[in-house]
Amino acid sequence: MQNHWIVDLNFEEDENRTSCTASLSGFSAPGVRGVGVARRNPDDTPDSTIGEELAAARACSNLAHELINKAASGIEDHTHRRANLIF
């Protein structure tokens, strides 16, 4: 069996902050999402690309941690023991 998940990144921005939500779509994709935020230093020149990249990286990192937590819960449900997953 082959699975294919797509990571969707959605952004919201204002002049000082960019937030990103990372979610998975596709057949049997788990219902988890990650959130990341980037804040611009008031002394820096506005650059939306940098804010999006940083917010996306943080959202994807958070998504990865949420997936690990979901996998750990699944392991614990099957084994009735505490999962020791290292990330």
C-alpha atoms as a PDB file:
ATOM      1  CA  MET A   1       0.000   0.000   0.000  1.00  0.00           C
ATOM      2  CA  GLN A   2       1.230   3.460  -0.838  1.00  0.00           C
ATOM      3  CA  ASN A   3       0.135   6.631   0.901  1.00  0.00           C
ATOM      4  CA  HIS A   4       0.560  10.231  -0.189  1.00  0.00           C
ATOM      5  CA  TRP A   5       0.136  13.177   2.168  1.00  0.00           C
ATOM      6  CA  ILE A   6       0.356  16.813   1.240  1.00  0.00           C
ATOM      7  CA  VAL A   7       1.502  19.515   3.649  1.00  0.00           C
ATOM      8  CA  ASP A   8      -0.658  22.618   3.339  1.00  0.00           C
ATOM      9  CA  LEU A   9       0.816  25.886   4.624  1.00  0.00           C
ATOM     10  CA  ASN A  10      -1.564  28.764   5.280  1.00  0.00           C
ATOM     11  CA  PHE A  11      -0.282  32.204   6.236  1.00  0.00           C
ATOM     12  CA  GLU A  12      -1.699  35.249   7.973  1.00  0.00           C
ATOM     13  CA  GLU A  13       0.343  38.424   8.086  1.00  0.00           C
ATOM     14  CA  ASP A  14       0.301  41.952   9.414  1.00  0.00           C
ATOM     15  CA  GLU A  15       3.117  44.504   9.389  1.00  0.00           C
ATOM     16  CA  ASN A  16       4.935  42.960  12.374  1.00  0.00           C
ATOM     17  CA  ARG A  17       3.917  39.306  12.537  1.00  0.00           C
ATOM     18  CA  THR A  18       3.497  36.287  10.270  1.00  0.00           C
ATOM     19  CA  SER A  19       1.712  33.154  11.436  1.00  0.00           C
ATOM     20  CA  CYS A  20       1.543  29.849   9.613  1.00  0.00           C
ATOM     21  CA  THR A  21      -0.591  26.758  10.068  1.00  0.00           C
ATOM     22  CA  ALA A  22       0.759  23.497   8.637  1.00  0.00           C
ATOM     23  CA  SER A  23      -1.760  20.723   8.099  1.00  0.00           C
ATOM     24  CA  LEU A  24      -1.815  17.400   6.284  1.00  0.00           C
ATOM     25  CA  SER A  25      -4.264  16.356   3.601  1.00  0.00           C
ATOM     26  CA  GLY A  26      -4.590  13.133   1.675  1.00  0.00           C
ATOM     27  CA  PHE A  27      -5.977   9.655   2.126  1.00  0.00           C
ATOM     28  CA  SER A  28      -5.684   8.569   5.779  1.00  0.00           C
ATOM     29  CA  ALA A  29      -3.712  11.686   6.734  1.00  0.00           C
ATOM     30  CA  PRO A  30      -3.831  12.096  10.509  1.00  0.00           C
ATOM     31  CA  GLY A  31      -5.783  15.048  11.832  1.00  0.00           C
ATOM     32  CA  VAL A  32      -2.873  16.985  13.271  1.00  0.00           C
ATOM     33  CA  ARG A  33      -1.601  20.460  12.565  1.00  0.00           C
ATOM     34  CA  GLY A  34       1.290  22.663  13.530  1.00  0.00           C
ATOM     35  CA  VAL A  35       1.458  26.374  14.179  1.00  0.00           C
ATOM     36  CA  GLY A  36       4.410  28.738  13.852  1.00  0.00           C
ATOM     37  CA  VAL A  37       4.849  32.475  14.302  1.00  0.00           C
ATOM     38  CA  ALA A  38       7.547  34.944  13.251  1.00  0.00           C
ATOM     39  CA  ARG A  39       7.749  38.455  14.637  1.00  0.00           C
ATOM     40  CA  ARG A  40       9.662  41.275  12.983  1.00  0.00           C
ATOM     41  CA  ASN A  41      12.005  43.348  15.078  1.00  0.00           C
ATOM     42  CA  PRO A  42      10.745  46.948  14.790  1.00  0.00           C
ATOM     43  CA  ASP A  43      14.249  48.039  13.760  1.00  0.00           C
ATOM     44  CA  ASP A  44      14.325  45.633  10.783  1.00  0.00           C
ATOM     45  CA  THR A  45      13.172  46.428   7.274  1.00  0.00           C
ATOM     46  CA  PRO A  46       9.909  44.610   6.443  1.00  0.00           C
ATOM     47  CA  ASP A  47      10.462  41.478   4.320  1.00  0.00           C
ATOM     48  CA  SER A  48       7.455  39.159   4.065  1.00  0.00           C
ATOM     49  CA  THR A  49       9.531  36.350   2.551  1.00  0.00           C
ATOM     50  CA  ILE A  50      11.698  36.016   5.658  1.00  0.00           C
ATOM     51  CA  GLY A  51       8.660  36.050   7.944  1.00  0.00           C
ATOM     52  CA  GLU A  52       6.926  33.371   5.861  1.00  0.00           C
ATOM     53  CA  GLU A  53      10.018  31.155   5.788  1.00  0.00           C
ATOM     54  CA  LEU A  54      10.534  31.372   9.534  1.00  0.00           C
ATOM     55  CA  ALA A  55       6.852  30.913  10.396  1.00  0.00           C
ATOM     56  CA  ALA A  56       6.616  27.947   7.978  1.00  0.00           C
ATOM     57  CA  ALA A  57       9.720  26.308   9.473  1.00  0.00           C
ATOM     58  CA  ARG A  58       8.291  26.674  12.966  1.00  0.00           C
ATOM     59  CA  ALA A  59       4.880  25.350  11.875  1.00  0.00           C
ATOM     60  CA  CYS A  60       6.466  22.312  10.184  1.00  0.00           C
ATOM     61  CA  SER A  61       8.585  21.623  13.266  1.00  0.00           C
ATOM     62  CA  ASN A  62       5.482  21.813  15.437  1.00  0.00           C
ATOM     63  CA  LEU A  63       3.643  19.525  12.989  1.00  0.00           C
ATOM     64  CA  ALA A  64       6.473  16.985  13.239  1.00  0.00           C
ATOM     65  CA  HIS A  65       6.225  16.995  17.029  1.00  0.00           C
ATOM     66  CA  GLU A  66       2.454  16.546  16.851  1.00  0.00           C
ATOM     67  CA  LEU A  67       2.902  13.546  14.520  1.00  0.00           C
ATOM     68  CA  ILE A  68       5.405  11.989  16.932  1.00  0.00           C
ATOM     69  CA  ASN A  69       2.992  12.501  19.825  1.00  0.00           C
ATOM     70  CA  LYS A  70       0.191  10.876  17.810  1.00  0.00           C
ATOM     71  CA  ALA A  71       2.434   7.919  16.930  1.00  0.00           C
ATOM     72  CA  ALA A  72       3.457   7.562  20.582  1.00  0.00           C
ATOM     73  CA  SER A  73      -0.200   7.457  21.618  1.00  0.00           C
ATOM     74  CA  GLY A  74      -0.851   4.755  19.032  1.00  0.00           C
ATOM     75  CA  ILE A  75       2.073   2.692  20.304  1.00  0.00           C
ATOM     76  CA  GLU A  76       0.879   3.072  23.880  1.00  0.00           C
ATOM     77  CA  ASP A  77      -2.659   2.030  22.918  1.00  0.00           C
ATOM     78  CA  HIS A  78      -1.297  -1.176  21.341  1.00  0.00           C
ATOM     79  CA  THR A  79       1.366  -2.082  23.893  1.00  0.00           C
ATOM     80  CA  HIS A  80      -0.155  -0.628  27.083  1.00  0.00           C
ATOM     81  CA  ARG A  81       3.321   0.702  27.861  1.00  0.00           C
ATOM     82  CA  ARG A  82       4.843   4.150  27.738  1.00  0.00           C
ATOM     83  CA  ALA A  83       6.376   4.870  24.339  1.00  0.00           C
ATOM     84  CA  ASN A  84       9.923   6.196  24.382  1.00  0.00           C
ATOM     85  CA  LEU A  85      10.295   7.977  21.047  1.00  0.00           C
ATOM     86  CA  ILE A  86      13.273  10.260  20.559  1.00  0.00           C
ATOM     87  CA  PHE A  87      13.078  13.205  18.228  1.00  0.00           C
END
